[in-house]
Amino acid sequence: MAVELNALRDQIDAVDKQMLELLAQRLALVEKVGEVKSEHGLPIYAPDREAAMLASRRAEAEKMGIPPQLIEDILRRTMR
């Protein structure tokens, strides 16, 4: 049992690392979006885009069996 448990924990650790890498990639992209918006005089905050994106991610999460509120919480924290 201990070997099986350790193998599962190793897999969780690997997924966590992938999540961190994806978050870093997302944050870098958000920074670039901010730069482009600034260069073109566009507002940084786009409430319509945010609402549409959150609704889409919530629906995708639900289809995958992930609580929609979980992805919304994660995304809202990354948008601060």
Protein backbone atom coordinates (compact mmCIF):
# COMPACT_ATOMS: atom_id res chain seq x y z
CA MET A 1 0.00 0.00 0.00
CA ALA A 2 2.77 2.48 0.86
CA VAL A 3 4.38 2.06 -2.55
CA GLU A 4 1.06 2.63 -4.31
CA LEU A 5 0.34 5.68 -2.14
CA ASN A 6 3.77 7.15 -2.82
CA ALA A 7 3.32 6.61 -6.56
CA LEU A 8 -0.01 8.43 -6.47
CA ARG A 9 1.49 11.27 -4.45
CA ASP A 10 4.34 11.54 -6.96
CA GLN A 11 1.77 11.89 -9.73
CA ILE A 12 -0.04 14.61 -7.78
CA ASP A 13 3.26 16.43 -7.28
CA ALA A 14 3.94 16.26 -11.02
CA VAL A 15 0.48 17.66 -11.82
CA ASP A 16 0.99 20.44 -9.26
CA LYS A 17 4.24 21.37 -10.98
CA GLN A 18 2.47 21.47 -14.35
CA MET A 19 -0.20 23.72 -12.83
CA LEU A 20 2.50 26.10 -11.59
CA GLU A 21 4.12 26.18 -15.02
CA LEU A 22 0.75 26.91 -16.65
CA LEU A 23 0.01 29.67 -14.15
CA ALA A 24 3.38 31.26 -14.86
CA GLN A 25 2.65 31.06 -18.60
CA ARG A 26 -0.79 32.61 -18.09
CA LEU A 27 0.60 35.46 -16.00
CA ALA A 28 3.21 36.21 -18.66
CA LEU A 29 0.51 36.31 -21.33
CA VAL A 30 -1.65 38.60 -19.20
CA GLU A 31 1.31 40.95 -18.85
CA LYS A 32 1.72 41.02 -22.64
CA VAL A 33 -1.99 41.72 -23.09
CA GLY A 34 -1.63 44.66 -20.70
CA GLU A 35 1.29 46.00 -22.73
CA VAL A 36 -0.66 45.74 -26.00
CA LYS A 37 -3.69 47.43 -24.46
CA SER A 38 -1.49 50.20 -23.09
CA GLU A 39 0.21 50.73 -26.47
CA HIS A 40 -3.17 51.11 -28.16
CA GLY A 41 -4.85 53.18 -25.45
CA LEU A 42 -7.32 50.46 -24.54
CA PRO A 43 -8.73 50.09 -21.03
CA ILE A 44 -6.98 47.43 -18.96
CA TYR A 45 -10.20 46.15 -17.42
CA ALA A 46 -12.73 44.64 -19.83
CA PRO A 47 -15.72 43.51 -17.74
CA ASP A 48 -17.58 42.00 -20.71
CA ARG A 49 -14.55 39.90 -21.67
CA GLU A 50 -14.04 38.83 -18.06
CA ALA A 51 -17.67 37.78 -17.62
CA ALA A 52 -17.71 35.83 -20.89
CA MET A 53 -14.42 34.10 -20.09
CA LEU A 54 -15.56 33.12 -16.59
CA ALA A 55 -18.88 31.79 -17.90
CA SER A 56 -17.07 29.75 -20.54
CA ARG A 57 -14.54 28.32 -18.07
CA ARG A 58 -17.30 27.48 -15.58
CA ALA A 59 -19.19 25.55 -18.28
CA GLU A 60 -16.03 23.73 -19.36
CA ALA A 61 -15.23 22.84 -15.75
CA GLU A 62 -18.71 21.49 -15.16
CA LYS A 63 -18.46 19.26 -18.25
CA MET A 64 -15.21 17.87 -16.83
CA GLY A 65 -16.73 17.16 -13.42
CA ILE A 66 -14.85 20.04 -11.79
CA PRO A 67 -16.82 22.34 -9.49
CA PRO A 68 -17.40 25.52 -11.53
CA GLN A 69 -16.79 27.69 -8.47
CA LEU A 70 -13.29 26.20 -8.14
CA ILE A 71 -12.13 27.40 -11.55
CA GLU A 72 -13.81 30.76 -11.02
CA ASP A 73 -12.00 31.17 -7.68
CA ILE A 74 -8.66 30.25 -9.26
CA LEU A 75 -9.15 32.60 -12.21
CA ARG A 76 -10.35 35.50 -10.05
CA ARG A 77 -7.24 35.14 -7.88
CA THR A 78 -4.99 35.22 -10.94
CA MET A 79 -6.78 38.33 -12.25
CA ARG A 80 -6.07 40.41 -9.13
